[in-house]
Amino acid sequence: MLIWILDKNNKIKLSKCKYLLFKEVFLIIIIFSLIFMLVSCIPGGDKSTEPTITNSSGVTGESSLYLFDCEKIKLEGTDTTDIKIKNCNLYMDIYEELVLMGEVENISPGIKTDIGITFDFYDKKGDKIISRTIPAFANYVKTGNRLPFCYYIDEKEKYIDMSMVKIGVNYKDYNEIFEGNPVVKIEKYYYGDDGDCLVIEGRVINMGSEKIRNLKLFCTFYNSSGRVVFIRKCYLQREEMIPDEEQKFSLKIIFDEYIPEFTNYRFEVFFEDVIKTPVNL
């Protein structure tokens, strides 16, 4: 290979010595270039090129949730003379979704129906950023009964702005008197052989004088502060029961990362009387 170079008089001539020197320098440059390329390809070599992990809303975890503390959000229940909102709780689950739970207690002497739970979320300036209304788990709530509620807030891009949640209830008065009367009796509870679950067994008995329908049984679990941490609906073989009829139920709670810690629980049963239709002769 020949290299053409310029001399001091800008005349072109061939120089074998300079050619050999240039060749050695050129090879050294090539070797260092290859070493640099290999080093730059090693994983972790350049932190600036690593991808940023984002959640489903497109907001980076560092910017949206790193400084977010849901315990600072104030929960405010709008009680009435007939309905009381109690044991409310707000926490973040393993999916980074905010879970809002609580109970509605009927403190009036009458039955309430068409119940809807309302949630209004406000930012630090007092502006409303989210407003939701969800139907209750049951159609009717008798005097003294508690109706649990649960709402998952998956709008992660609005978490950081939340400052207060106002919880309310919409309902109607039901003037009829229920003649059915389902009662829950807990017979026993025990832990699994490996201690990985809790099993609660009991019976539901219709101690009223009328047949009932749309029977639902819920179990609400509380933490040491008395706040609701999760709710479970119990499976029942029959949603209708005649007077003096009873049926057994069993509820199994598996201890895993999805279950928050709890200290006690409470069962509530909901139903409707069978409506009697007069026969026209």
C-alpha atoms as a PDB file:
ATOM      1  CA  MET A   1       0.000   0.000   0.000  1.00  0.00           C
ATOM      2  CA  LEU A   2       1.289   3.476  -0.893  1.00  0.00           C
ATOM      3  CA  ILE A   3       0.506   6.783   0.758  1.00  0.00           C
ATOM      4  CA  TRP A   4       0.801  10.114  -0.986  1.00  0.00           C
ATOM      5  CA  ILE A   5       1.884  13.001   1.291  1.00  0.00           C
ATOM      6  CA  LEU A   6       2.893  16.671   0.915  1.00  0.00           C
ATOM      7  CA  ASP A   7       6.462  17.967   1.488  1.00  0.00           C
ATOM      8  CA  LYS A   8       7.431  21.448   2.676  1.00  0.00           C
ATOM      9  CA  ASN A   9       7.300  22.812  -0.864  1.00  0.00           C
ATOM     10  CA  ASN A  10       3.816  21.382  -1.306  1.00  0.00           C
ATOM     11  CA  LYS A  11       5.193  18.968  -3.857  1.00  0.00           C
ATOM     12  CA  ILE A  12       3.824  15.461  -3.936  1.00  0.00           C
ATOM     13  CA  LYS A  13       6.252  12.605  -3.364  1.00  0.00           C
ATOM     14  CA  LEU A  14       6.279   9.046  -1.970  1.00  0.00           C
ATOM     15  CA  SER A  15       7.753   8.373   1.484  1.00  0.00           C
ATOM     16  CA  LYS A  16       8.116   4.745   2.602  1.00  0.00           C
ATOM     17  CA  CYS A  17       9.324   5.572   6.139  1.00  0.00           C
ATOM     18  CA  LYS A  18       6.478   7.881   6.856  1.00  0.00           C
ATOM     19  CA  TYR A  19       4.153   5.341   5.363  1.00  0.00           C
ATOM     20  CA  LEU A  20       5.311   2.665   7.865  1.00  0.00           C
ATOM     21  CA  LEU A  21       4.978   5.130  10.751  1.00  0.00           C
ATOM     22  CA  PHE A  22       1.524   6.150   9.674  1.00  0.00           C
ATOM     23  CA  LYS A  23       0.511   2.502   9.365  1.00  0.00           C
ATOM     24  CA  GLU A  24       1.532   1.776  12.981  1.00  0.00           C
ATOM     25  CA  VAL A  25      -0.337   4.834  14.291  1.00  0.00           C
ATOM     26  CA  PHE A  26      -3.394   3.883  12.270  1.00  0.00           C
ATOM     27  CA  LEU A  27      -3.429   0.333  13.726  1.00  0.00           C
ATOM     28  CA  ILE A  28      -3.123   1.698  17.275  1.00  0.00           C
ATOM     29  CA  ILE A  29      -6.086   4.004  16.683  1.00  0.00           C
ATOM     30  CA  ILE A  30      -8.149   1.097  15.361  1.00  0.00           C
ATOM     31  CA  ILE A  31      -7.323  -1.076  18.427  1.00  0.00           C
ATOM     32  CA  PHE A  32      -8.256   1.666  20.930  1.00  0.00           C
ATOM     33  CA  SER A  33     -11.470   2.353  19.022  1.00  0.00           C
ATOM     34  CA  LEU A  34     -12.479  -1.331  19.284  1.00  0.00           C
ATOM     35  CA  ILE A  35     -11.705  -1.414  23.032  1.00  0.00           C
ATOM     36  CA  PHE A  36     -13.825   1.708  23.608  1.00  0.00           C
ATOM     37  CA  MET A  37     -16.740   0.235  21.690  1.00  0.00           C
ATOM     38  CA  LEU A  38     -16.621  -3.008  23.703  1.00  0.00           C
ATOM     39  CA  VAL A  39     -16.542  -1.177  27.043  1.00  0.00           C
ATOM     40  CA  SER A  40     -19.452   1.085  26.119  1.00  0.00           C
ATOM     41  CA  CYS A  41     -21.613  -1.958  25.299  1.00  0.00           C
ATOM     42  CA  ILE A  42     -21.229  -3.511  28.780  1.00  0.00           C
ATOM     43  CA  PRO A  43     -24.641  -3.384  30.697  1.00  0.00           C
ATOM     44  CA  GLY A  44     -24.717  -0.636  33.299  1.00  0.00           C
ATOM     45  CA  GLY A  45     -21.811   1.204  31.684  1.00  0.00           C
ATOM     46  CA  ASP A  46     -23.898   4.254  30.861  1.00  0.00           C
ATOM     47  CA  LYS A  47     -26.670   5.031  33.348  1.00  0.00           C
ATOM     48  CA  SER A  48     -28.064   7.847  31.223  1.00  0.00           C
ATOM     49  CA  THR A  49     -29.281   5.370  28.590  1.00  0.00           C
ATOM     50  CA  GLU A  50     -31.299   3.162  30.988  1.00  0.00           C
ATOM     51  CA  PRO A  51     -35.089   3.252  30.395  1.00  0.00           C
ATOM     52  CA  THR A  52     -37.352   4.874  32.991  1.00  0.00           C
ATOM     53  CA  ILE A  53     -40.024   2.533  34.426  1.00  0.00           C
ATOM     54  CA  THR A  54     -43.456   4.076  34.156  1.00  0.00           C
ATOM     55  CA  ASN A  55     -46.890   3.072  35.396  1.00  0.00           C
ATOM     56  CA  SER A  56     -49.964   2.484  33.240  1.00  0.00           C
ATOM     57  CA  SER A  57     -50.836   6.176  33.217  1.00  0.00           C
ATOM     58  CA  GLY A  58     -47.503   7.123  31.644  1.00  0.00           C
ATOM     59  CA  VAL A  59     -46.233   8.949  34.735  1.00  0.00           C
ATOM     60  CA  THR A  60     -42.859   7.830  36.068  1.00  0.00           C
ATOM     61  CA  GLY A  61     -42.872   6.113  39.435  1.00  0.00           C
ATOM     62  CA  GLU A  62     -40.182   8.486  40.768  1.00  0.00           C
ATOM     63  CA  SER A  63     -42.127  11.620  39.899  1.00  0.00           C
ATOM     64  CA  SER A  64     -45.638  10.426  40.820  1.00  0.00           C
ATOM     65  CA  LEU A  65     -45.357   8.063  43.780  1.00  0.00           C
ATOM     66  CA  TYR A  66     -41.919   8.550  45.314  1.00  0.00           C
ATOM     67  CA  LEU A  67     -43.009  11.461  47.509  1.00  0.00           C
ATOM     68  CA  PHE A  68     -46.699  10.487  47.676  1.00  0.00           C
ATOM     69  CA  ASP A  69     -48.077   9.705  51.150  1.00  0.00           C
ATOM     70  CA  CYS A  70     -51.726   8.645  51.165  1.00  0.00           C
ATOM     71  CA  GLU A  71     -51.872   8.876  54.962  1.00  0.00           C
ATOM     72  CA  LYS A  72     -51.796  12.663  54.644  1.00  0.00           C
ATOM     73  CA  ILE A  73     -55.086  12.677  52.729  1.00  0.00           C
ATOM     74  CA  LYS A  74     -57.933  13.719  55.012  1.00  0.00           C
ATOM     75  CA  LEU A  75     -61.122  11.608  54.997  1.00  0.00           C
ATOM     76  CA  GLU A  76     -64.318  13.446  55.844  1.00  0.00           C
ATOM     77  CA  GLY A  77     -67.706  11.731  56.178  1.00  0.00           C
ATOM     78  CA  THR A  78     -70.874  13.766  55.670  1.00  0.00           C
ATOM     79  CA  ASP A  79     -73.151  12.217  58.291  1.00  0.00           C
ATOM     80  CA  THR A  80     -76.886  12.852  58.427  1.00  0.00           C
ATOM     81  CA  THR A  81     -79.498  12.333  61.121  1.00  0.00           C
ATOM     82  CA  ASP A  82     -80.274   8.905  59.604  1.00  0.00           C
ATOM     83  CA  ILE A  83     -76.948   7.687  58.227  1.00  0.00           C
ATOM     84  CA  LYS A  84     -73.493   7.609  59.767  1.00  0.00           C
ATOM     85  CA  ILE A  85     -70.237   7.020  57.838  1.00  0.00           C
ATOM     86  CA  LYS A  86     -67.615   5.287  59.963  1.00  0.00           C
ATOM     87  CA  ASN A  87     -64.340   3.302  60.067  1.00  0.00           C
ATOM     88  CA  CYS A  88     -63.098   4.774  56.771  1.00  0.00           C
ATOM     89  CA  ASN A  89     -59.647   3.824  55.521  1.00  0.00           C
ATOM     90  CA  LEU A  90     -57.443   4.820  52.581  1.00  0.00           C
ATOM     91  CA  TYR A  91     -54.346   2.840  51.612  1.00  0.00           C
ATOM     92  CA  MET A  92     -52.294   1.821  48.574  1.00  0.00           C
ATOM     93  CA  ASP A  93     -52.357  -1.831  47.509  1.00  0.00           C
ATOM     94  CA  ILE A  94     -49.573  -3.812  45.811  1.00  0.00           C
ATOM     95  CA  TYR A  95     -50.810  -2.638  42.407  1.00  0.00           C
ATOM     96  CA  GLU A  96     -50.251   1.021  43.430  1.00  0.00           C
ATOM     97  CA  GLU A  97     -53.980   1.673  43.390  1.00  0.00           C
ATOM     98  CA  LEU A  98     -55.600   3.668  46.165  1.00  0.00           C
ATOM     99  CA  VAL A  99     -58.279   1.695  48.014  1.00  0.00           C
ATOM    100  CA  LEU A 100     -60.986   3.594  49.875  1.00  0.00           C
ATOM    101  CA  MET A 101     -63.118   1.571  52.296  1.00  0.00           C
ATOM    102  CA  GLY A 102     -65.577   2.167  55.088  1.00  0.00           C
ATOM    103  CA  GLU A 103     -69.079   1.514  56.377  1.00  0.00           C
ATOM    104  CA  VAL A 104     -72.477   3.166  56.242  1.00  0.00           C
ATOM    105  CA  GLU A 105     -74.552   2.618  59.372  1.00  0.00           C
ATOM    106  CA  ASN A 106     -78.321   3.125  59.473  1.00  0.00           C
ATOM    107  CA  ILE A 107     -78.999   4.884  62.784  1.00  0.00           C
ATOM    108  CA  SER A 108     -82.616   5.757  61.948  1.00  0.00           C
ATOM    109  CA  PRO A 109     -85.705   3.790  63.073  1.00  0.00           C
ATOM    110  CA  GLY A 110     -86.644   3.033  59.435  1.00  0.00           C
ATOM    111  CA  ILE A 111     -85.239   1.059  56.503  1.00  0.00           C
ATOM    112  CA  LYS A 112     -83.140   2.758  53.812  1.00  0.00           C
ATOM    113  CA  THR A 113     -83.112   1.796  50.135  1.00  0.00           C
ATOM    114  CA  ASP A 114     -81.598   2.869  46.760  1.00  0.00           C
ATOM    115  CA  ILE A 115     -78.299   3.597  48.467  1.00  0.00           C
ATOM    116  CA  GLY A 116     -75.396   5.184  46.589  1.00  0.00           C
ATOM    117  CA  ILE A 117     -71.986   6.092  48.015  1.00  0.00           C
ATOM    118  CA  THR A 118     -70.531   9.406  46.811  1.00  0.00           C
ATOM    119  CA  PHE A 119     -66.842  10.393  46.730  1.00  0.00           C
ATOM    120  CA  ASP A 120     -65.501  13.896  46.084  1.00  0.00           C
ATOM    121  CA  PHE A 121     -61.712  14.311  45.883  1.00  0.00           C
ATOM    122  CA  TYR A 122     -60.148  17.748  46.449  1.00  0.00           C
ATOM    123  CA  ASP A 123     -56.648  19.129  45.919  1.00  0.00           C
ATOM    124  CA  LYS A 124     -54.667  21.413  48.250  1.00  0.00           C
ATOM    125  CA  LYS A 125     -56.392  24.480  46.784  1.00  0.00           C
ATOM    126  CA  GLY A 126     -59.843  23.107  47.586  1.00  0.00           C
ATOM    127  CA  ASP A 127     -60.710  22.391  43.939  1.00  0.00           C
ATOM    128  CA  LYS A 128     -62.611  19.202  43.144  1.00  0.00           C
ATOM    129  CA  ILE A 129     -60.526  16.892  40.933  1.00  0.00           C
ATOM    130  CA  ILE A 130     -62.599  13.655  40.996  1.00  0.00           C
ATOM    131  CA  SER A 131     -66.275  12.990  41.722  1.00  0.00           C
ATOM    132  CA  ARG A 132     -67.776   9.490  41.758  1.00  0.00           C
ATOM    133  CA  THR A 133     -70.980   7.751  42.879  1.00  0.00           C
ATOM    134  CA  ILE A 134     -71.091   3.964  43.234  1.00  0.00           C
ATOM    135  CA  PRO A 135     -74.053   1.681  44.051  1.00  0.00           C
ATOM    136  CA  ALA A 136     -74.064  -0.070  47.407  1.00  0.00           C
ATOM    137  CA  PHE A 137     -73.517  -3.809  47.787  1.00  0.00           C
ATOM    138  CA  ALA A 138     -77.148  -4.290  48.878  1.00  0.00           C
ATOM    139  CA  ASN A 139     -80.513  -2.670  48.106  1.00  0.00           C
ATOM    140  CA  TYR A 140     -81.736  -2.284  51.669  1.00  0.00           C
ATOM    141  CA  VAL A 141     -80.222  -1.479  55.048  1.00  0.00           C
ATOM    142  CA  LYS A 142     -82.201  -2.183  58.201  1.00  0.00           C
ATOM    143  CA  THR A 143     -81.981  -0.200  61.416  1.00  0.00           C
ATOM    144  CA  GLY A 144     -78.648  -0.753  63.169  1.00  0.00           C
ATOM    145  CA  ASN A 145     -77.037  -2.549  60.219  1.00  0.00           C
ATOM    146  CA  ARG A 146     -73.730  -1.544  58.671  1.00  0.00           C
ATOM    147  CA  LEU A 147     -73.247  -1.616  54.922  1.00  0.00           C
ATOM    148  CA  PRO A 148     -69.569  -1.809  53.860  1.00  0.00           C
ATOM    149  CA  PHE A 149     -68.300  -0.032  50.751  1.00  0.00           C
ATOM    150  CA  CYS A 150     -65.137  -0.179  48.659  1.00  0.00           C
ATOM    151  CA  TYR A 151     -63.781   1.971  45.837  1.00  0.00           C
ATOM    152  CA  TYR A 152     -60.534   1.578  43.864  1.00  0.00           C
ATOM    153  CA  ILE A 153     -58.961   4.813  42.607  1.00  0.00           C
ATOM    154  CA  ASP A 154     -56.828   3.936  39.573  1.00  0.00           C
ATOM    155  CA  GLU A 155     -56.202   7.488  38.285  1.00  0.00           C
ATOM    156  CA  LYS A 156     -52.551   7.533  39.352  1.00  0.00           C
ATOM    157  CA  GLU A 157     -51.777  10.813  37.626  1.00  0.00           C
ATOM    158  CA  LYS A 158     -54.039  12.566  40.176  1.00  0.00           C
ATOM    159  CA  TYR A 159     -52.663  10.941  43.331  1.00  0.00           C
ATOM    160  CA  ILE A 160     -50.104  13.631  44.081  1.00  0.00           C
ATOM    161  CA  ASP A 161     -52.763  16.375  44.013  1.00  0.00           C
ATOM    162  CA  MET A 162     -55.176  14.746  46.471  1.00  0.00           C
ATOM    163  CA  SER A 163     -55.593  16.444  49.824  1.00  0.00           C
ATOM    164  CA  MET A 164     -59.085  15.535  51.060  1.00  0.00           C
ATOM    165  CA  VAL A 165     -61.924  13.106  50.307  1.00  0.00           C
ATOM    166  CA  LYS A 166     -65.539  13.823  51.243  1.00  0.00           C
ATOM    167  CA  ILE A 167     -67.714  10.713  51.525  1.00  0.00           C
ATOM    168  CA  GLY A 168     -71.491  10.930  51.393  1.00  0.00           C
ATOM    169  CA  VAL A 169     -74.592   8.792  50.926  1.00  0.00           C
ATOM    170  CA  ASN A 170     -77.658   9.059  48.719  1.00  0.00           C
ATOM    171  CA  TYR A 171     -80.709   7.055  49.829  1.00  0.00           C
ATOM    172  CA  LYS A 172     -84.480   6.831  50.019  1.00  0.00           C
ATOM    173  CA  ASP A 173     -86.759   5.969  52.919  1.00  0.00           C
ATOM    174  CA  TYR A 174     -88.523   2.608  52.731  1.00  0.00           C
ATOM    175  CA  ASN A 175     -91.782   2.673  54.663  1.00  0.00           C
ATOM    176  CA  GLU A 176     -92.642  -1.039  54.663  1.00  0.00           C
ATOM    177  CA  ILE A 177     -91.731  -3.327  57.563  1.00  0.00           C
ATOM    178  CA  PHE A 178     -89.607  -6.382  56.773  1.00  0.00           C
ATOM    179  CA  GLU A 179     -91.172  -9.558  58.114  1.00  0.00           C
ATOM    180  CA  GLY A 180     -88.223 -11.753  57.219  1.00  0.00           C
ATOM    181  CA  ASN A 181     -85.376 -11.799  59.696  1.00  0.00           C
ATOM    182  CA  PRO A 182     -82.151 -13.601  58.708  1.00  0.00           C
ATOM    183  CA  VAL A 183     -79.709 -14.022  61.584  1.00  0.00           C
ATOM    184  CA  VAL A 184     -76.029 -14.994  61.348  1.00  0.00           C
ATOM    185  CA  LYS A 185     -74.562 -17.391  63.898  1.00  0.00           C
ATOM    186  CA  ILE A 186     -70.822 -18.074  63.910  1.00  0.00           C
ATOM    187  CA  GLU A 187     -70.076 -21.625  64.981  1.00  0.00           C
ATOM    188  CA  LYS A 188     -66.279 -21.798  64.813  1.00  0.00           C
ATOM    189  CA  TYR A 189     -63.117 -20.557  63.174  1.00  0.00           C
ATOM    190  CA  TYR A 190     -59.758 -22.275  62.723  1.00  0.00           C
ATOM    191  CA  TYR A 191     -56.452 -21.946  60.915  1.00  0.00           C
ATOM    192  CA  GLY A 192     -55.176 -24.181  58.135  1.00  0.00           C
ATOM    193  CA  ASP A 193     -52.653 -26.943  58.848  1.00  0.00           C
ATOM    194  CA  ASP A 194     -49.807 -24.768  57.545  1.00  0.00           C
ATOM    195  CA  GLY A 195     -51.158 -21.613  59.174  1.00  0.00           C
ATOM    196  CA  ASP A 196     -51.613 -20.056  55.733  1.00  0.00           C
ATOM    197  CA  CYS A 197     -55.359 -19.397  55.967  1.00  0.00           C
ATOM    198  CA  LEU A 198     -58.258 -18.651  58.292  1.00  0.00           C
ATOM    199  CA  VAL A 199     -61.566 -20.507  57.925  1.00  0.00           C
ATOM    200  CA  ILE A 200     -64.794 -19.163  59.467  1.00  0.00           C
ATOM    201  CA  GLU A 201     -67.883 -21.384  59.566  1.00  0.00           C
ATOM    202  CA  GLY A 202     -71.424 -20.547  60.588  1.00  0.00           C
ATOM    203  CA  ARG A 203     -75.140 -20.590  59.765  1.00  0.00           C
ATOM    204  CA  VAL A 204     -77.758 -18.193  58.447  1.00  0.00           C
ATOM    205  CA  ILE A 205     -81.246 -18.703  59.890  1.00  0.00           C
ATOM    206  CA  ASN A 206     -84.444 -16.984  58.758  1.00  0.00           C
ATOM    207  CA  MET A 207     -86.149 -16.302  62.067  1.00  0.00           C
ATOM    208  CA  GLY A 208     -88.844 -14.123  60.498  1.00  0.00           C
ATOM    209  CA  SER A 209     -92.397 -14.918  59.483  1.00  0.00           C
ATOM    210  CA  GLU A 210     -91.967 -14.389  55.710  1.00  0.00           C
ATOM    211  CA  LYS A 211     -89.917 -15.826  52.886  1.00  0.00           C
ATOM    212  CA  ILE A 212     -86.877 -13.753  51.947  1.00  0.00           C
ATOM    213  CA  ARG A 213     -84.930 -13.320  48.694  1.00  0.00           C
ATOM    214  CA  ASN A 214     -81.760 -11.654  47.342  1.00  0.00           C
ATOM    215  CA  LEU A 215     -79.918 -12.874  50.424  1.00  0.00           C
ATOM    216  CA  LYS A 216     -76.349 -11.540  50.704  1.00  0.00           C
ATOM    217  CA  LEU A 217     -73.765 -12.071  53.392  1.00  0.00           C
ATOM    218  CA  PHE A 218     -70.668  -9.877  53.797  1.00  0.00           C
ATOM    219  CA  CYS A 219     -67.756 -10.070  56.212  1.00  0.00           C
ATOM    220  CA  THR A 220     -65.866  -6.871  57.013  1.00  0.00           C
ATOM    221  CA  PHE A 221     -62.331  -7.042  58.412  1.00  0.00           C
ATOM    222  CA  TYR A 222     -60.752  -4.337  60.592  1.00  0.00           C
ATOM    223  CA  ASN A 223     -57.233  -3.415  61.645  1.00  0.00           C
ATOM    224  CA  SER A 224     -56.080  -2.581  65.171  1.00  0.00           C
ATOM    225  CA  SER A 225     -57.338   1.002  64.737  1.00  0.00           C
ATOM    226  CA  GLY A 226     -60.858  -0.194  63.902  1.00  0.00           C
ATOM    227  CA  ARG A 227     -60.612   0.845  60.242  1.00  0.00           C
ATOM    228  CA  VAL A 228     -61.883  -1.331  57.397  1.00  0.00           C
ATOM    229  CA  VAL A 229     -59.038  -3.077  55.551  1.00  0.00           C
ATOM    230  CA  PHE A 230     -60.915  -5.486  53.273  1.00  0.00           C
ATOM    231  CA  ILE A 231     -64.357  -6.969  52.605  1.00  0.00           C
ATOM    232  CA  ARG A 232     -65.424 -10.455  51.533  1.00  0.00           C
ATOM    233  CA  LYS A 233     -68.743 -11.678  50.194  1.00  0.00           C
ATOM    234  CA  CYS A 234     -69.679 -15.132  51.490  1.00  0.00           C
ATOM    235  CA  TYR A 235     -70.980 -17.774  49.115  1.00  0.00           C
ATOM    236  CA  LEU A 236     -74.489 -19.022  49.930  1.00  0.00           C
ATOM    237  CA  GLN A 237     -76.140 -21.957  48.205  1.00  0.00           C
ATOM    238  CA  ARG A 238     -79.577 -20.313  48.257  1.00  0.00           C
ATOM    239  CA  GLU A 239     -80.554 -16.656  47.968  1.00  0.00           C
ATOM    240  CA  GLU A 240     -84.113 -17.430  49.078  1.00  0.00           C
ATOM    241  CA  MET A 241     -85.134 -18.852  52.450  1.00  0.00           C
ATOM    242  CA  ILE A 242     -88.495 -19.687  53.964  1.00  0.00           C
ATOM    243  CA  PRO A 243     -89.282 -19.048  57.666  1.00  0.00           C
ATOM    244  CA  ASP A 244     -87.230 -21.187  60.095  1.00  0.00           C
ATOM    245  CA  GLU A 245     -84.983 -22.380  57.269  1.00  0.00           C
ATOM    246  CA  GLU A 246     -81.224 -22.336  57.766  1.00  0.00           C
ATOM    247  CA  GLN A 247     -78.130 -22.898  55.664  1.00  0.00           C
ATOM    248  CA  LYS A 248     -74.450 -23.260  56.448  1.00  0.00           C
ATOM    249  CA  PHE A 249     -71.658 -21.113  55.060  1.00  0.00           C
ATOM    250  CA  SER A 250     -67.862 -21.138  55.119  1.00  0.00           C
ATOM    251  CA  LEU A 251     -65.436 -18.280  54.459  1.00  0.00           C
ATOM    252  CA  LYS A 252     -61.740 -18.941  53.773  1.00  0.00           C
ATOM    253  CA  ILE A 253     -59.149 -16.163  54.011  1.00  0.00           C
ATOM    254  CA  ILE A 254     -55.721 -16.975  52.548  1.00  0.00           C
ATOM    255  CA  PHE A 255     -52.794 -15.128  54.104  1.00  0.00           C
ATOM    256  CA  ASP A 256     -50.709 -13.676  51.284  1.00  0.00           C
ATOM    257  CA  GLU A 257     -49.299 -10.351  50.117  1.00  0.00           C
ATOM    258  CA  TYR A 258     -52.755  -9.265  48.929  1.00  0.00           C
ATOM    259  CA  ILE A 259     -54.329  -9.398  52.393  1.00  0.00           C
ATOM    260  CA  PRO A 260     -53.728  -6.455  54.759  1.00  0.00           C
ATOM    261  CA  GLU A 261     -53.249  -7.199  58.442  1.00  0.00           C
ATOM    262  CA  PHE A 262     -56.463  -7.434  60.472  1.00  0.00           C
ATOM    263  CA  THR A 263     -57.444  -8.047  64.080  1.00  0.00           C
ATOM    264  CA  ASN A 264     -61.206  -8.680  64.017  1.00  0.00           C
ATOM    265  CA  TYR A 265     -64.204  -9.058  61.696  1.00  0.00           C
ATOM    266  CA  ARG A 266     -67.967  -8.585  61.561  1.00  0.00           C
ATOM    267  CA  PHE A 267     -70.739 -10.239  59.504  1.00  0.00           C
ATOM    268  CA  GLU A 268     -73.724  -8.383  58.031  1.00  0.00           C
ATOM    269  CA  VAL A 269     -76.644  -9.987  56.211  1.00  0.00           C
ATOM    270  CA  PHE A 270     -78.883  -8.215  53.663  1.00  0.00           C
ATOM    271  CA  PHE A 271     -82.133  -9.340  52.056  1.00  0.00           C
ATOM    272  CA  GLU A 272     -85.558  -8.428  50.685  1.00  0.00           C
ATOM    273  CA  ASP A 273     -88.990  -9.729  51.602  1.00  0.00           C
ATOM    274  CA  VAL A 274     -90.732 -11.665  48.846  1.00  0.00           C
ATOM    275  CA  ILE A 275     -93.391  -9.366  47.429  1.00  0.00           C
ATOM    276  CA  LYS A 276     -96.866 -10.882  47.593  1.00  0.00           C
ATOM    277  CA  THR A 277     -98.939 -10.214  44.505  1.00  0.00           C
ATOM    278  CA  PRO A 278    -102.734 -10.450  44.957  1.00  0.00           C
ATOM    279  CA  VAL A 279    -104.471 -12.887  42.633  1.00  0.00           C
ATOM    280  CA  ASN A 280    -107.331 -11.432  40.589  1.00  0.00           C
ATOM    281  CA  LEU A 281    -110.218 -13.901  40.317  1.00  0.00           C
END
